[in-house]
Amino acid sequence: MIALIVWYSVLVTGQLASERDYTIRRTYAKVGADVTAEIVNVANTSQVQAVLDNILVNVSGVEDATVEYSISAQQSMLTLKAIAPQEWFKTAYYEAEWFSGASAQDAFAALAADDNTIILDRTIAKSYNLTVGDDISVEFENGTKALRVVAFFGPEPQDQTSTGIGFMPRIGSAYWSFVPINLYAYPGNLTSAAAKILMKIDAKADGAAVAKNVRNVDDSVVYVDSVANELEKSQTDAVASGALDIMQLGIVFAVLAASVGTALISSVSMRERSREATIMSVKGLSYKQLVIMFLTESFALVTFAIVLGVSIGLISVYGTIASSNAQTSGLVVKHLIFPLGSTLLVADCIAIIFAATILPIVIMSRKYVTKLERMIRLR
């Protein structure tokens, strides 16, 4: 029973922690940064830069900001994001595992050092059998440009259609590729682009308040999104939050049941061994020695059950997460994590079970020793 309860506690705690982490990371990937603002009717880079400067001057709490242009090459299969590499690297949300062929830091450093480079969508790279250092011809509106591949972006391509968090269907480009903004000026060689301002806010700033201020700072801002607002929406989901609350409540009842059950088993076992305890006391065992003897016997079984429950619980959580990741092909995947709060919760459950084992033995042993001493005094 102890192993079963500990397994359930580890399983539920691990799943809840991993699901919360996945929700937060998926929200960051969807928004793109702490706060993002889309610009309507982009006429030129000067207009977008003016909006960016306006935000930096009039909105408090913004630590870093940069512009991201979404453009399309003449090939319908290739979607590009034109960025200022170093500024984007400091501001936007990304995960190291999204990049291959080079680390994210090295990839953006190479992008900043040479305008004729590209971080290529991994799906396109696999389709053309390209490796880091190879060139790919990208057809723009004024002609074709040979760009050197410095890294790859995106997960390992799969056959099925992408089911990520709102990214492009897997027709040609599954996600996007990154090119330096200096490669082509806008307007000029690029005559159509969508601009988005990415913002990283201070640690103490309120993301929802910053988003509200950005929304009102300039008429060119058509839409503002923030991680704070998206997470607030996800927490108002009654079905999802209700299920999580029930699972957490289940841990409480399970631990209480294990504790009560363990205490009852220890009490019954000590009652059945009352004669053994009396004989041991008569032979000269002190109260301390008697308690140590019974605790050693009980701890061996309880410790084995707890280790078994924790081990199987971790394996179960890992299997659940691996199965979930195998059924999706988005950028963001679930990770097995046990933050400090979850670890302390499991530790508390184990501590309660040990306490339920110790207390009956201590109390019953004291009772037997006291009873024996009373009998000796009466005689």
Protein backbone atom coordinates (compact mmCIF):
# COMPACT_ATOMS: atom_id res chain seq x y z
CA MET A 1 0.00 0.00 0.00
CA ILE A 2 2.83 2.40 0.85
CA ALA A 3 4.53 1.77 -2.49
CA LEU A 4 1.23 2.36 -4.30
CA ILE A 5 0.55 5.65 -2.51
CA VAL A 6 4.10 6.94 -3.01
CA TRP A 7 3.92 5.95 -6.69
CA TYR A 8 0.67 7.90 -7.07
CA SER A 9 2.11 10.95 -5.28
CA VAL A 10 5.23 11.03 -7.46
CA LEU A 11 3.21 10.40 -10.62
CA VAL A 12 0.66 13.14 -10.01
CA THR A 13 3.21 15.64 -8.67
CA GLY A 14 5.54 15.06 -11.62
CA GLN A 15 2.73 15.32 -14.15
CA LEU A 16 1.40 18.53 -12.63
CA ALA A 17 4.86 20.17 -12.53
CA SER A 18 5.68 19.07 -16.07
CA GLU A 19 2.29 20.22 -17.37
CA ARG A 20 2.67 23.67 -15.76
CA ASP A 21 6.16 24.00 -17.22
CA TYR A 22 4.87 22.94 -20.64
CA THR A 23 1.99 25.43 -20.50
CA ILE A 24 4.32 28.32 -19.62
CA ARG A 25 6.92 27.43 -22.26
CA ARG A 26 4.27 26.88 -24.92
CA THR A 27 2.76 30.28 -24.11
CA TYR A 28 6.15 31.97 -24.41
CA ALA A 29 6.74 30.25 -27.76
CA LYS A 30 3.32 31.31 -29.00
CA VAL A 31 3.75 34.97 -28.01
CA GLY A 32 7.44 35.10 -29.01
CA ALA A 33 8.63 37.24 -26.11
CA ASP A 34 7.31 38.69 -22.86
CA VAL A 35 5.24 41.19 -24.86
CA THR A 36 4.78 41.53 -28.64
CA ALA A 37 3.15 44.24 -30.72
CA GLU A 38 2.12 43.90 -34.36
CA ILE A 39 2.42 46.93 -36.63
CA VAL A 40 -0.24 47.69 -39.24
CA ASN A 41 0.40 49.26 -42.65
CA VAL A 42 4.16 48.95 -42.59
CA ALA A 43 5.49 51.58 -45.00
CA ASN A 44 9.21 51.45 -44.23
CA THR A 45 11.74 50.60 -41.54
CA SER A 46 11.80 54.21 -40.37
CA GLN A 47 8.11 54.01 -39.47
CA VAL A 48 8.63 50.80 -37.48
CA GLN A 49 11.70 52.23 -35.76
CA ALA A 50 9.67 55.31 -34.79
CA VAL A 51 7.06 53.09 -33.14
CA LEU A 52 9.81 51.16 -31.35
CA ASP A 53 11.43 54.38 -30.07
CA ASN A 54 8.02 55.64 -28.96
CA ILE A 55 7.48 52.49 -26.93
CA LEU A 56 10.91 52.65 -25.31
CA VAL A 57 10.39 56.30 -24.32
CA ASN A 58 6.80 56.13 -23.08
CA VAL A 59 6.39 52.62 -21.68
CA SER A 60 8.16 51.77 -18.43
CA GLY A 61 9.27 48.26 -17.63
CA VAL A 62 10.65 47.40 -21.09
CA GLU A 63 14.22 46.12 -20.75
CA ASP A 64 15.00 45.20 -24.39
CA ALA A 65 13.07 45.48 -27.64
CA THR A 66 13.67 44.60 -31.27
CA VAL A 67 11.80 44.33 -34.57
CA GLU A 68 11.09 41.06 -36.35
CA TYR A 69 10.01 41.13 -40.01
CA SER A 70 8.15 38.13 -41.43
CA ILE A 71 8.74 37.91 -45.16
CA SER A 72 8.34 35.33 -47.89
CA ALA A 73 10.91 34.42 -50.46
CA GLN A 74 9.73 33.92 -54.00
CA GLN A 75 9.77 30.19 -53.34
CA SER A 76 6.48 29.44 -51.64
CA MET A 77 8.18 26.76 -49.57
CA LEU A 78 10.44 29.16 -47.65
CA THR A 79 9.28 31.53 -44.90
CA LEU A 80 11.81 33.96 -43.49
CA LYS A 81 12.18 36.12 -40.43
CA ALA A 82 14.50 39.08 -40.93
CA ILE A 83 16.00 40.10 -37.61
CA ALA A 84 18.81 42.00 -35.95
CA PRO A 85 20.55 38.85 -34.65
CA GLN A 86 22.11 40.10 -31.43
CA GLU A 87 19.06 42.13 -30.38
CA TRP A 88 16.71 39.26 -31.21
CA PHE A 89 18.88 36.81 -29.23
CA LYS A 90 18.62 39.03 -26.12
CA THR A 91 14.91 39.77 -26.44
CA ALA A 92 12.96 36.91 -28.00
CA TYR A 93 12.02 33.64 -26.36
CA TYR A 94 13.79 30.58 -27.66
CA GLU A 95 14.94 27.18 -26.42
CA ALA A 96 18.40 25.81 -27.08
CA GLU A 97 17.00 22.51 -28.34
CA TRP A 98 15.25 24.29 -31.21
CA PHE A 99 18.63 24.83 -32.87
CA SER A 100 20.96 22.17 -34.26
CA GLY A 101 24.21 22.19 -36.18
CA ALA A 102 25.44 24.92 -33.83
CA SER A 103 24.42 26.34 -30.50
CA ALA A 104 21.88 29.16 -30.54
CA GLN A 105 24.53 31.65 -29.41
CA ASP A 106 26.99 30.61 -32.10
CA ALA A 107 24.27 30.55 -34.75
CA PHE A 108 23.15 34.13 -34.12
CA ALA A 109 26.74 35.32 -33.78
CA ALA A 110 27.45 33.89 -37.25
CA LEU A 111 24.29 35.52 -38.55
CA ALA A 112 25.44 38.89 -37.20
CA ALA A 113 28.95 38.51 -38.63
CA ASP A 114 27.89 37.83 -42.23
CA ASP A 115 24.79 39.20 -43.96
CA ASN A 116 24.81 36.40 -46.54
CA THR A 117 23.93 33.69 -44.03
CA ILE A 118 20.80 31.88 -42.93
CA ILE A 119 19.59 29.73 -40.03
CA LEU A 120 17.64 27.29 -42.15
CA ASP A 121 14.39 25.52 -41.37
CA ARG A 122 15.43 21.95 -40.61
CA THR A 123 12.64 20.55 -42.77
CA ILE A 124 13.99 22.39 -45.83
CA ALA A 125 17.53 21.33 -44.98
CA LYS A 126 16.49 17.69 -44.83
CA SER A 127 14.53 17.97 -48.09
CA TYR A 128 17.62 19.27 -49.91
CA ASN A 129 20.11 17.22 -47.89
CA LEU A 130 21.97 20.35 -46.76
CA THR A 131 24.53 20.54 -43.98
CA VAL A 132 26.09 23.43 -42.07
CA GLY A 133 28.39 25.36 -44.41
CA ASP A 134 26.42 24.57 -47.56
CA ASP A 135 24.79 27.29 -49.66
CA ILE A 136 21.11 27.57 -50.48
CA SER A 137 19.74 29.79 -53.25
CA VAL A 138 16.95 32.05 -52.01
CA GLU A 139 14.94 33.87 -54.64
CA PHE A 140 13.98 37.40 -53.66
CA GLU A 141 12.04 39.96 -55.67
CA ASN A 142 15.13 41.47 -57.25
CA GLY A 143 16.99 38.23 -57.90
CA THR A 144 18.48 35.14 -56.35
CA LYS A 145 20.88 35.23 -53.42
CA ALA A 146 23.20 32.41 -52.25
CA LEU A 147 23.10 32.18 -48.45
CA ARG A 148 25.42 30.05 -46.33
CA VAL A 149 23.74 27.77 -43.80
CA VAL A 150 25.12 28.41 -40.29
CA ALA A 151 22.63 26.31 -38.28
CA PHE A 152 19.23 24.64 -38.43
CA PHE A 153 15.99 25.61 -36.74
CA GLY A 154 13.16 23.32 -35.73
CA PRO A 155 12.70 19.74 -34.53
CA GLU A 156 13.59 16.61 -36.43
CA PRO A 157 11.12 16.45 -39.35
CA GLN A 158 8.42 13.79 -39.25
CA ASP A 159 6.13 12.47 -41.91
CA GLN A 160 2.89 13.59 -40.35
CA THR A 161 1.55 17.14 -40.47
CA SER A 162 2.83 19.40 -37.74
CA THR A 163 0.50 19.75 -34.77
CA GLY A 164 2.43 22.44 -33.00
CA ILE A 165 1.14 25.63 -31.42
CA GLY A 166 -0.29 27.36 -34.42
CA PHE A 167 2.69 27.20 -36.76
CA MET A 168 2.50 26.67 -40.49
CA PRO A 169 1.21 23.37 -41.82
CA ARG A 170 3.94 21.08 -43.01
CA ILE A 171 3.81 22.05 -46.68
CA GLY A 172 7.37 22.88 -47.66
CA SER A 173 8.57 24.97 -44.73
CA ALA A 174 7.37 23.56 -41.42
CA TYR A 175 8.44 26.62 -39.44
CA TRP A 176 10.72 29.42 -40.64
CA SER A 177 14.30 30.44 -41.31
CA PHE A 178 16.24 33.41 -39.95
CA VAL A 179 18.16 35.92 -42.06
CA PRO A 180 19.92 39.17 -41.05
CA ILE A 181 17.87 42.33 -41.44
CA ASN A 182 20.88 43.90 -43.19
CA LEU A 183 20.55 41.43 -46.03
CA TYR A 184 17.88 43.59 -47.61
CA ALA A 185 16.51 46.96 -46.58
CA TYR A 186 12.78 47.58 -46.42
CA PRO A 187 11.36 49.08 -48.59
CA GLY A 188 13.58 48.23 -51.52
CA ASN A 189 14.22 44.65 -52.37
CA LEU A 190 11.54 43.52 -49.93
CA THR A 191 8.23 45.09 -50.84
CA SER A 192 5.99 43.16 -48.48
CA ALA A 193 6.62 42.29 -44.86
CA ALA A 194 4.78 42.05 -41.56
CA ALA A 195 6.50 43.74 -38.63
CA LYS A 196 6.32 42.68 -35.03
CA ILE A 197 8.03 44.35 -32.07
CA LEU A 198 9.33 41.93 -29.47
CA MET A 199 9.83 43.18 -25.92
CA LYS A 200 11.57 41.74 -22.90
CA ILE A 201 10.30 43.30 -19.69
CA ASP A 202 11.98 43.84 -16.33
CA ALA A 203 11.66 41.07 -13.78
CA LYS A 204 9.55 43.26 -11.49
CA ALA A 205 7.34 44.70 -14.23
CA ASP A 206 3.71 43.67 -14.69
CA GLY A 207 3.40 42.11 -18.13
CA ALA A 208 -0.32 42.84 -18.42
CA ALA A 209 0.21 46.51 -17.52
CA VAL A 210 3.08 46.84 -19.98
CA ALA A 211 0.94 45.30 -22.72
CA LYS A 212 -1.87 47.74 -21.96
CA ASN A 213 0.48 50.72 -22.15
CA VAL A 214 1.99 49.50 -25.42
CA ARG A 215 -1.49 49.10 -26.86
CA ASN A 216 -2.25 52.77 -26.19
CA VAL A 217 1.10 54.30 -27.10
CA ASP A 218 0.80 54.40 -30.90
CA ASP A 219 -2.00 54.09 -33.44
CA SER A 220 0.21 51.94 -35.65
CA VAL A 221 0.05 49.14 -33.08
CA VAL A 222 -2.81 46.94 -34.22
CA TYR A 223 -2.45 44.04 -31.79
CA VAL A 224 -0.58 43.42 -28.54
CA ASP A 225 -0.06 40.08 -26.88
CA SER A 226 1.69 39.18 -23.65
CA VAL A 227 2.61 36.05 -21.77
CA ALA A 228 0.92 37.39 -18.64
CA ASN A 229 -2.43 37.79 -20.43
CA GLU A 230 -2.21 34.38 -22.10
CA LEU A 231 -1.38 32.62 -18.84
CA GLU A 232 -4.26 34.39 -17.13
CA LYS A 233 -6.61 33.09 -19.83
CA SER A 234 -5.33 29.55 -19.40
CA GLN A 235 -5.92 29.71 -15.65
CA THR A 236 -9.57 30.65 -16.20
CA ASP A 237 -10.18 27.36 -17.99
CA ALA A 238 -12.57 25.73 -15.52
CA VAL A 239 -12.19 22.23 -16.93
CA ALA A 240 -8.38 22.20 -16.91
CA SER A 241 -7.98 23.92 -13.55
CA GLY A 242 -10.69 21.73 -12.01
CA ALA A 243 -8.91 18.56 -13.14
CA LEU A 244 -5.63 19.78 -11.65
CA ASP A 245 -7.32 20.65 -8.35
CA ILE A 246 -8.87 17.17 -8.16
CA MET A 247 -5.49 15.53 -8.81
CA GLN A 248 -3.87 17.62 -6.07
CA LEU A 249 -6.68 16.79 -3.68
CA GLY A 250 -6.17 13.13 -4.53
CA ILE A 251 -2.58 13.36 -3.27
CA VAL A 252 -3.79 14.66 0.10
CA PHE A 253 -6.31 11.86 0.56
CA ALA A 254 -3.84 9.25 -0.66
CA VAL A 255 -1.15 10.37 1.80
CA LEU A 256 -3.66 10.51 4.65
CA ALA A 257 -4.84 7.01 3.79
CA ALA A 258 -1.26 5.72 3.66
CA SER A 259 -0.41 7.40 6.96
CA VAL A 260 -3.48 6.09 8.79
CA GLY A 261 -3.00 2.64 7.30
CA THR A 262 0.69 2.56 8.25
CA ALA A 263 -0.08 3.74 11.78
CA LEU A 264 -2.77 1.09 12.22
CA ILE A 265 -0.49 -1.66 10.91
CA SER A 266 2.30 -0.58 13.26
CA SER A 267 -0.10 -0.45 16.20
CA VAL A 268 -1.55 -3.89 15.52
CA SER A 269 1.91 -5.34 14.99
CA MET A 270 3.12 -3.91 18.29
CA ARG A 271 0.07 -5.26 20.12
CA GLU A 272 0.72 -8.71 18.73
CA ARG A 273 4.34 -8.49 19.89
CA SER A 274 3.57 -7.29 23.40
CA ARG A 275 4.86 -10.51 24.98
CA GLU A 276 8.04 -10.27 22.91
CA ALA A 277 8.55 -6.71 24.09
CA THR A 278 7.98 -7.73 27.71
CA ILE A 279 10.48 -10.63 27.49
CA MET A 280 13.06 -8.35 25.88
CA SER A 281 12.58 -5.83 28.68
CA VAL A 282 12.97 -8.52 31.33
CA LYS A 283 16.21 -9.63 29.68
CA GLY A 284 17.58 -6.15 30.20
CA LEU A 285 16.77 -4.22 27.01
CA SER A 286 16.26 -0.55 27.76
CA TYR A 287 13.47 1.54 26.29
CA LYS A 288 15.86 3.04 23.74
CA GLN A 289 17.16 -0.38 22.65
CA LEU A 290 13.62 -1.71 22.38
CA VAL A 291 12.53 1.20 20.16
CA ILE A 292 15.61 0.86 17.95
CA MET A 293 14.96 -2.86 17.48
CA PHE A 294 11.34 -2.41 16.40
CA LEU A 295 12.12 0.65 14.25
CA THR A 296 14.90 -1.20 12.43
CA GLU A 297 12.51 -4.01 11.52
CA SER A 298 9.75 -1.64 10.37
CA PHE A 299 12.03 0.80 8.54
CA ALA A 300 13.45 -1.91 6.32
CA LEU A 301 10.03 -2.69 4.86
CA VAL A 302 8.82 0.93 4.74
CA THR A 303 12.04 2.18 3.13
CA PHE A 304 11.90 -0.53 0.49
CA ALA A 305 8.26 0.35 -0.28
CA ILE A 306 9.09 4.07 -0.56
CA VAL A 307 12.10 3.49 -2.82
CA LEU A 308 10.00 1.18 -4.98
CA GLY A 309 7.17 3.72 -5.18
CA VAL A 310 9.48 6.65 -6.05
CA SER A 311 11.32 4.64 -8.71
CA ILE A 312 8.17 3.39 -10.42
CA GLY A 313 6.61 6.87 -10.12
CA LEU A 314 9.54 8.51 -11.93
CA ILE A 315 9.45 5.83 -14.62
CA SER A 316 5.70 6.32 -15.06
CA VAL A 317 6.03 10.11 -15.38
CA TYR A 318 8.85 9.74 -17.89
CA GLY A 319 6.82 7.24 -19.90
CA THR A 320 3.76 9.48 -19.93
CA ILE A 321 5.79 12.49 -21.12
CA ALA A 322 7.66 10.47 -23.75
CA SER A 323 4.37 9.08 -25.07
CA SER A 324 2.87 12.57 -25.25
CA ASN A 325 5.90 13.96 -27.07
CA ALA A 326 5.84 11.08 -29.56
CA GLN A 327 2.30 12.05 -30.60
CA THR A 328 3.13 15.71 -31.29
CA SER A 329 5.67 17.43 -33.51
CA GLY A 330 5.60 21.02 -32.32
CA LEU A 331 8.58 23.12 -31.31
CA VAL A 332 7.75 22.90 -27.62
CA VAL A 333 7.88 19.45 -26.03
CA LYS A 334 7.22 18.39 -22.47
CA HIS A 335 10.13 17.97 -20.06
CA LEU A 336 10.33 15.84 -16.95
CA ILE A 337 10.93 18.32 -14.15
CA PHE A 338 10.61 18.32 -10.38
CA PRO A 339 10.96 21.89 -9.12
CA LEU A 340 11.67 22.61 -5.48
CA GLY A 341 7.98 22.89 -4.57
CA SER A 342 7.12 19.50 -6.09
CA THR A 343 10.17 17.85 -4.51
CA LEU A 344 9.21 19.23 -1.10
CA LEU A 345 5.66 17.96 -1.55
CA VAL A 346 6.87 14.42 -2.23
CA ALA A 347 9.35 14.71 0.65
CA ASP A 348 6.52 15.79 2.96
CA CYS A 349 4.46 12.78 1.90
CA ILE A 350 7.36 10.45 2.66
CA ALA A 351 8.01 12.19 5.99
CA ILE A 352 4.37 11.73 7.03
CA ILE A 353 4.54 8.02 6.19
CA PHE A 354 7.72 7.62 8.25
CA ALA A 355 6.13 9.54 11.12
CA ALA A 356 3.11 7.23 10.98
CA THR A 357 5.54 4.32 11.31
CA ILE A 358 7.60 5.79 14.14
CA LEU A 359 4.94 7.21 16.46
CA PRO A 360 3.00 3.97 17.18
CA ILE A 361 6.25 2.11 17.90
CA VAL A 362 7.52 4.83 20.23
CA ILE A 363 4.22 5.13 22.08
CA MET A 364 3.57 1.39 22.39
CA SER A 365 7.15 0.65 23.48
CA ARG A 366 6.92 3.30 26.18
CA LYS A 367 3.63 1.79 27.30
CA TYR A 368 5.12 -1.70 27.60
CA VAL A 369 8.21 -0.52 29.48
CA THR A 370 6.11 1.58 31.87
CA LYS A 371 3.75 -1.32 32.48
CA LEU A 372 6.66 -3.67 33.22
CA GLU A 373 8.26 -1.19 35.64
CA ARG A 374 4.95 -0.80 37.43
CA MET A 375 4.59 -4.56 37.79
CA ILE A 376 8.12 -4.86 39.20
CA ARG A 377 7.49 -2.13 41.77
CA LEU A 378 4.24 -3.78 42.90
CA ARG A 379 6.02 -7.07 43.51
